Amino acid sequence: MIESVSVFKNNVYQAGDDWLFYINVDSFSLDTTGYTLSYVFKKQGLAPIIITSSSVAGNIFTFSIPAATTTAYKAGLYTISAFLTSPLGIKTTLGYSEALIKADLTAEGVNDPRSPNKKALHDIEKCLADGAGSDVQEYTIGSTTMRLDRKGLLDLRAFYMQRVRMEDGKPSIGSVYFNL
């Protein structure tokens, strides 16, 4: 059994930047010479991103992913798995975490870094603000026009709020504080 060690140095990465970091696994009770340390970034609907490093000096693994590579990474919340592979091919998972890859705002074609869920939520909130006091109206959200009453919009808002909170790695309901 491998002792616990923090192998997740970052929880926010920037697409379009050079990713340079190292992991020191000196607290392991084994010599990792010849081992590889790999990270798998997985987001539903996308191919996994796999980055790998071999130990370079004792128990230190250095990662260097160039900006030219990270520019292609899609923004969003990813689940990350870290694992060691021995020279004999034995894989040992070290743990899981979540990380956010932020959009490269300098990349061509990136005008609005918000996810489709965030865009829909903002459109719904605008419709609610614009239609305050009325019961039934026609709304255009994105390119879809629909007729919803206020309750329908609030239900749709709750749906997209849950999706946005999941993307941001937050529970669907946060703390509610009352001031008496």
C-alpha atoms as a PDB file:
ATOM      1  CA  MET A   1       0.000   0.000   0.000  1.00  0.00           C
ATOM      2  CA  ILE A   2       1.354   3.426  -0.951  1.00  0.00           C
ATOM      3  CA  GLU A   3       1.214   6.113   1.698  1.00  0.00           C
ATOM      4  CA  SER A   4      -0.941   9.143   1.049  1.00  0.00           C
ATOM      5  CA  VAL A   5       0.828  12.040  -0.642  1.00  0.00           C
ATOM      6  CA  SER A   6      -0.579  15.139  -2.257  1.00  0.00           C
ATOM      7  CA  VAL A   7      -0.282  14.580  -5.995  1.00  0.00           C
ATOM      8  CA  PHE A   8      -2.779  17.284  -6.933  1.00  0.00           C
ATOM      9  CA  LYS A   9      -0.770  20.518  -6.827  1.00  0.00           C
ATOM     10  CA  ASN A  10      -3.268  22.601  -8.803  1.00  0.00           C
ATOM     11  CA  ASN A  11      -7.030  22.706  -9.034  1.00  0.00           C
ATOM     12  CA  VAL A  12      -7.170  25.485 -11.646  1.00  0.00           C
ATOM     13  CA  TYR A  13      -5.346  25.309 -14.973  1.00  0.00           C
ATOM     14  CA  GLN A  14      -5.290  27.878 -17.772  1.00  0.00           C
ATOM     15  CA  ALA A  15      -5.719  26.684 -21.350  1.00  0.00           C
ATOM     16  CA  GLY A  16      -3.200  28.393 -23.605  1.00  0.00           C
ATOM     17  CA  ASP A  17      -0.537  28.594 -20.874  1.00  0.00           C
ATOM     18  CA  ASP A  18       2.524  26.420 -20.361  1.00  0.00           C
ATOM     19  CA  TRP A  19       1.803  23.940 -17.565  1.00  0.00           C
ATOM     20  CA  LEU A  20       5.026  23.463 -15.588  1.00  0.00           C
ATOM     21  CA  PHE A  21       4.972  21.695 -12.237  1.00  0.00           C
ATOM     22  CA  TYR A  22       6.656  18.910 -10.337  1.00  0.00           C
ATOM     23  CA  ILE A  23       5.503  16.307  -7.827  1.00  0.00           C
ATOM     24  CA  ASN A  24       7.833  15.081  -5.091  1.00  0.00           C
ATOM     25  CA  VAL A  25       6.813  11.655  -3.826  1.00  0.00           C
ATOM     26  CA  ASP A  26       9.576  11.232  -1.216  1.00  0.00           C
ATOM     27  CA  SER A  27       7.008  10.141   1.360  1.00  0.00           C
ATOM     28  CA  PHE A  28       6.398   6.928  -0.610  1.00  0.00           C
ATOM     29  CA  SER A  29       7.912   3.869   0.964  1.00  0.00           C
ATOM     30  CA  LEU A  30       9.393   2.773  -2.370  1.00  0.00           C
ATOM     31  CA  ASP A  31      11.930   3.939  -4.898  1.00  0.00           C
ATOM     32  CA  THR A  32      10.044   5.217  -7.964  1.00  0.00           C
ATOM     33  CA  THR A  33      13.016   5.078 -10.343  1.00  0.00           C
ATOM     34  CA  GLY A  34      11.679   3.851 -13.673  1.00  0.00           C
ATOM     35  CA  TYR A  35       8.069   4.588 -12.717  1.00  0.00           C
ATOM     36  CA  THR A  36       5.741   6.944 -14.583  1.00  0.00           C
ATOM     37  CA  LEU A  37       3.220   9.263 -12.957  1.00  0.00           C
ATOM     38  CA  SER A  38       0.168  10.015 -15.083  1.00  0.00           C
ATOM     39  CA  TYR A  39      -2.853  12.275 -14.796  1.00  0.00           C
ATOM     40  CA  VAL A  40      -6.082  11.694 -16.669  1.00  0.00           C
ATOM     41  CA  PHE A  41      -8.403  14.714 -17.011  1.00  0.00           C
ATOM     42  CA  LYS A  42     -11.910  13.538 -17.902  1.00  0.00           C
ATOM     43  CA  LYS A  43     -14.995  15.572 -18.776  1.00  0.00           C
ATOM     44  CA  GLN A  44     -18.189  14.037 -20.058  1.00  0.00           C
ATOM     45  CA  GLY A  45     -18.438  14.160 -23.828  1.00  0.00           C
ATOM     46  CA  LEU A  46     -14.723  14.835 -24.389  1.00  0.00           C
ATOM     47  CA  ALA A  47     -11.776  12.543 -25.006  1.00  0.00           C
ATOM     48  CA  PRO A  48      -9.593  12.215 -21.895  1.00  0.00           C
ATOM     49  CA  ILE A  49      -6.503  14.391 -21.557  1.00  0.00           C
ATOM     50  CA  ILE A  50      -3.538  12.276 -20.396  1.00  0.00           C
ATOM     51  CA  ILE A  51      -0.255  13.782 -19.250  1.00  0.00           C
ATOM     52  CA  THR A  52       2.658  11.615 -18.134  1.00  0.00           C
ATOM     53  CA  SER A  53       6.103  12.047 -16.599  1.00  0.00           C
ATOM     54  CA  SER A  54       8.897   9.640 -15.724  1.00  0.00           C
ATOM     55  CA  SER A  55      10.845  10.116 -12.523  1.00  0.00           C
ATOM     56  CA  VAL A  56      13.845  12.313 -13.277  1.00  0.00           C
ATOM     57  CA  ALA A  57      15.688  12.541  -9.991  1.00  0.00           C
ATOM     58  CA  GLY A  58      14.818  10.048  -7.307  1.00  0.00           C
ATOM     59  CA  ASN A  59      11.159  10.492  -6.478  1.00  0.00           C
ATOM     60  CA  ILE A  60      10.535  13.719  -8.430  1.00  0.00           C
ATOM     61  CA  PHE A  61       8.261  13.815 -11.469  1.00  0.00           C
ATOM     62  CA  THR A  62       8.398  16.937 -13.647  1.00  0.00           C
ATOM     63  CA  PHE A  63       5.532  17.882 -15.954  1.00  0.00           C
ATOM     64  CA  SER A  64       5.939  20.285 -18.852  1.00  0.00           C
ATOM     65  CA  ILE A  65       2.998  20.702 -21.210  1.00  0.00           C
ATOM     66  CA  PRO A  66       3.533  23.474 -23.785  1.00  0.00           C
ATOM     67  CA  ALA A  67       1.008  26.226 -24.448  1.00  0.00           C
ATOM     68  CA  ALA A  68       0.630  24.961 -28.018  1.00  0.00           C
ATOM     69  CA  THR A  69      -0.894  21.777 -26.552  1.00  0.00           C
ATOM     70  CA  THR A  70      -3.008  23.322 -23.772  1.00  0.00           C
ATOM     71  CA  THR A  71      -4.620  25.794 -26.202  1.00  0.00           C
ATOM     72  CA  ALA A  72      -6.677  22.898 -27.582  1.00  0.00           C
ATOM     73  CA  TYR A  73      -8.080  21.953 -24.149  1.00  0.00           C
ATOM     74  CA  LYS A  74     -11.763  22.756 -23.665  1.00  0.00           C
ATOM     75  CA  ALA A  75     -12.707  24.881 -20.668  1.00  0.00           C
ATOM     76  CA  GLY A  76     -14.718  23.294 -17.871  1.00  0.00           C
ATOM     77  CA  LEU A  77     -14.674  21.212 -14.726  1.00  0.00           C
ATOM     78  CA  TYR A  78     -12.756  17.932 -15.039  1.00  0.00           C
ATOM     79  CA  THR A  79     -12.378  14.874 -12.835  1.00  0.00           C
ATOM     80  CA  ILE A  80      -8.683  13.983 -12.472  1.00  0.00           C
ATOM     81  CA  SER A  81      -7.168  10.627 -11.660  1.00  0.00           C
ATOM     82  CA  ALA A  82      -3.480  10.264 -10.733  1.00  0.00           C
ATOM     83  CA  PHE A  83      -1.696   6.944 -10.999  1.00  0.00           C
ATOM     84  CA  LEU A  84       1.774   5.426 -10.891  1.00  0.00           C
ATOM     85  CA  THR A  85       2.887   2.733 -13.312  1.00  0.00           C
ATOM     86  CA  SER A  86       5.830   0.516 -12.362  1.00  0.00           C
ATOM     87  CA  PRO A  87       8.494  -0.654 -14.839  1.00  0.00           C
ATOM     88  CA  LEU A  88       6.631  -4.005 -14.827  1.00  0.00           C
ATOM     89  CA  GLY A  89       3.370  -2.299 -15.892  1.00  0.00           C
ATOM     90  CA  ILE A  90       1.659  -2.467 -12.491  1.00  0.00           C
ATOM     91  CA  LYS A  91      -0.741   0.463 -12.154  1.00  0.00           C
ATOM     92  CA  THR A  92      -1.532   2.008  -8.759  1.00  0.00           C
ATOM     93  CA  THR A  93      -4.176   4.734  -8.539  1.00  0.00           C
ATOM     94  CA  LEU A  94      -3.144   7.458  -6.097  1.00  0.00           C
ATOM     95  CA  GLY A  95      -6.442   9.310  -5.979  1.00  0.00           C
ATOM     96  CA  TYR A  96      -9.055  11.484  -7.624  1.00  0.00           C
ATOM     97  CA  SER A  97      -9.745  15.185  -7.576  1.00  0.00           C
ATOM     98  CA  GLU A  98     -11.498  17.873  -9.585  1.00  0.00           C
ATOM     99  CA  ALA A  99      -9.915  20.737 -11.480  1.00  0.00           C
ATOM    100  CA  LEU A 100     -11.117  23.625 -13.565  1.00  0.00           C
ATOM    101  CA  ILE A 101      -9.542  24.373 -16.923  1.00  0.00           C
ATOM    102  CA  LYS A 102     -10.193  28.020 -17.775  1.00  0.00           C
ATOM    103  CA  ALA A 103     -10.686  29.174 -21.359  1.00  0.00           C
ATOM    104  CA  ASP A 104      -7.851  30.849 -23.227  1.00  0.00           C
ATOM    105  CA  LEU A 105      -9.418  34.242 -23.916  1.00  0.00           C
ATOM    106  CA  THR A 106      -6.660  35.086 -26.401  1.00  0.00           C
ATOM    107  CA  ALA A 107      -7.478  32.088 -28.621  1.00  0.00           C
ATOM    108  CA  GLU A 108      -9.143  32.800 -31.913  1.00  0.00           C
ATOM    109  CA  GLY A 109     -12.889  32.246 -31.831  1.00  0.00           C
ATOM    110  CA  VAL A 110     -13.199  32.561 -28.033  1.00  0.00           C
ATOM    111  CA  ASN A 111     -15.584  35.474 -27.595  1.00  0.00           C
ATOM    112  CA  ASP A 112     -17.631  34.293 -24.630  1.00  0.00           C
ATOM    113  CA  PRO A 113     -15.943  31.861 -22.234  1.00  0.00           C
ATOM    114  CA  ARG A 114     -19.220  30.958 -20.488  1.00  0.00           C
ATOM    115  CA  SER A 115     -20.528  27.423 -20.848  1.00  0.00           C
ATOM    116  CA  PRO A 116     -23.862  26.845 -22.633  1.00  0.00           C
ATOM    117  CA  ASN A 117     -25.449  26.259 -19.204  1.00  0.00           C
ATOM    118  CA  LYS A 118     -24.165  29.606 -17.879  1.00  0.00           C
ATOM    119  CA  LYS A 119     -25.386  31.403 -20.985  1.00  0.00           C
ATOM    120  CA  ALA A 120     -28.865  29.869 -20.637  1.00  0.00           C
ATOM    121  CA  LEU A 121     -28.980  30.741 -16.915  1.00  0.00           C
ATOM    122  CA  HIS A 122     -28.049  34.369 -17.637  1.00  0.00           C
ATOM    123  CA  ASP A 123     -30.694  34.564 -20.391  1.00  0.00           C
ATOM    124  CA  ILE A 124     -33.363  33.164 -18.050  1.00  0.00           C
ATOM    125  CA  GLU A 125     -32.414  35.598 -15.284  1.00  0.00           C
ATOM    126  CA  LYS A 126     -32.663  38.477 -17.794  1.00  0.00           C
ATOM    127  CA  CYS A 127     -36.133  37.289 -18.845  1.00  0.00           C
ATOM    128  CA  LEU A 128     -37.206  37.147 -15.198  1.00  0.00           C
ATOM    129  CA  ALA A 129     -35.872  40.654 -14.569  1.00  0.00           C
ATOM    130  CA  ASP A 130     -37.454  42.059 -17.727  1.00  0.00           C
ATOM    131  CA  GLY A 131     -40.806  40.417 -17.061  1.00  0.00           C
ATOM    132  CA  ALA A 132     -41.148  41.212 -13.359  1.00  0.00           C
ATOM    133  CA  GLY A 133     -44.839  41.641 -12.491  1.00  0.00           C
ATOM    134  CA  SER A 134     -46.284  39.819 -15.508  1.00  0.00           C
ATOM    135  CA  ASP A 135     -47.682  36.315 -15.515  1.00  0.00           C
ATOM    136  CA  VAL A 136     -47.272  35.014 -19.072  1.00  0.00           C
ATOM    137  CA  GLN A 137     -44.891  36.255 -21.737  1.00  0.00           C
ATOM    138  CA  GLU A 138     -43.032  35.091 -24.778  1.00  0.00           C
ATOM    139  CA  TYR A 139     -39.301  34.636 -24.142  1.00  0.00           C
ATOM    140  CA  THR A 140     -36.322  34.085 -26.385  1.00  0.00           C
ATOM    141  CA  ILE A 141     -33.512  32.104 -24.778  1.00  0.00           C
ATOM    142  CA  GLY A 142     -30.583  31.554 -27.092  1.00  0.00           C
ATOM    143  CA  SER A 143     -32.282  30.993 -30.450  1.00  0.00           C
ATOM    144  CA  THR A 144     -35.423  29.344 -29.024  1.00  0.00           C
ATOM    145  CA  THR A 145     -38.646  31.302 -28.503  1.00  0.00           C
ATOM    146  CA  MET A 146     -41.133  29.943 -25.978  1.00  0.00           C
ATOM    147  CA  ARG A 147     -44.109  30.987 -23.924  1.00  0.00           C
ATOM    148  CA  LEU A 148     -43.637  30.414 -20.204  1.00  0.00           C
ATOM    149  CA  ASP A 149     -45.261  31.756 -17.124  1.00  0.00           C
ATOM    150  CA  ARG A 150     -43.140  32.944 -14.222  1.00  0.00           C
ATOM    151  CA  LYS A 151     -43.283  29.532 -12.499  1.00  0.00           C
ATOM    152  CA  GLY A 152     -42.016  27.850 -15.679  1.00  0.00           C
ATOM    153  CA  LEU A 153     -39.108  30.273 -15.875  1.00  0.00           C
ATOM    154  CA  LEU A 154     -38.264  29.731 -12.205  1.00  0.00           C
ATOM    155  CA  ASP A 155     -38.283  25.948 -12.763  1.00  0.00           C
ATOM    156  CA  LEU A 156     -36.021  26.381 -15.792  1.00  0.00           C
ATOM    157  CA  ARG A 157     -33.755  28.682 -13.753  1.00  0.00           C
ATOM    158  CA  ALA A 158     -33.448  26.012 -11.016  1.00  0.00           C
ATOM    159  CA  PHE A 159     -32.557  23.411 -13.659  1.00  0.00           C
ATOM    160  CA  TYR A 160     -29.753  25.521 -15.159  1.00  0.00           C
ATOM    161  CA  MET A 161     -28.581  26.737 -11.735  1.00  0.00           C
ATOM    162  CA  GLN A 162     -27.988  23.107 -10.736  1.00  0.00           C
ATOM    163  CA  ARG A 163     -25.998  22.485 -13.950  1.00  0.00           C
ATOM    164  CA  VAL A 164     -23.881  25.627 -13.472  1.00  0.00           C
ATOM    165  CA  ARG A 165     -23.118  24.761  -9.839  1.00  0.00           C
ATOM    166  CA  MET A 166     -22.029  21.259 -10.916  1.00  0.00           C
ATOM    167  CA  GLU A 167     -19.705  22.783 -13.539  1.00  0.00           C
ATOM    168  CA  ASP A 168     -18.230  25.042 -10.864  1.00  0.00           C
ATOM    169  CA  GLY A 169     -17.706  22.082  -8.525  1.00  0.00           C
ATOM    170  CA  LYS A 170     -20.209  23.351  -5.965  1.00  0.00           C
ATOM    171  CA  PRO A 171     -23.036  21.426  -4.321  1.00  0.00           C
ATOM    172  CA  SER A 172     -26.426  22.142  -5.890  1.00  0.00           C
ATOM    173  CA  ILE A 173     -27.624  23.828  -2.699  1.00  0.00           C
ATOM    174  CA  GLY A 174     -25.283  25.933  -0.598  1.00  0.00           C
ATOM    175  CA  SER A 175     -25.657  27.249   2.913  1.00  0.00           C
ATOM    176  CA  VAL A 176     -28.672  29.382   3.658  1.00  0.00           C
ATOM    177  CA  TYR A 177     -28.298  31.921   6.441  1.00  0.00           C
ATOM    178  CA  PHE A 178     -31.162  33.776   8.064  1.00  0.00           C
ATOM    179  CA  ASN A 179     -30.726  37.030   9.889  1.00  0.00           C
ATOM    180  CA  LEU A 180     -33.273  37.452  12.665  1.00  0.00           C
END
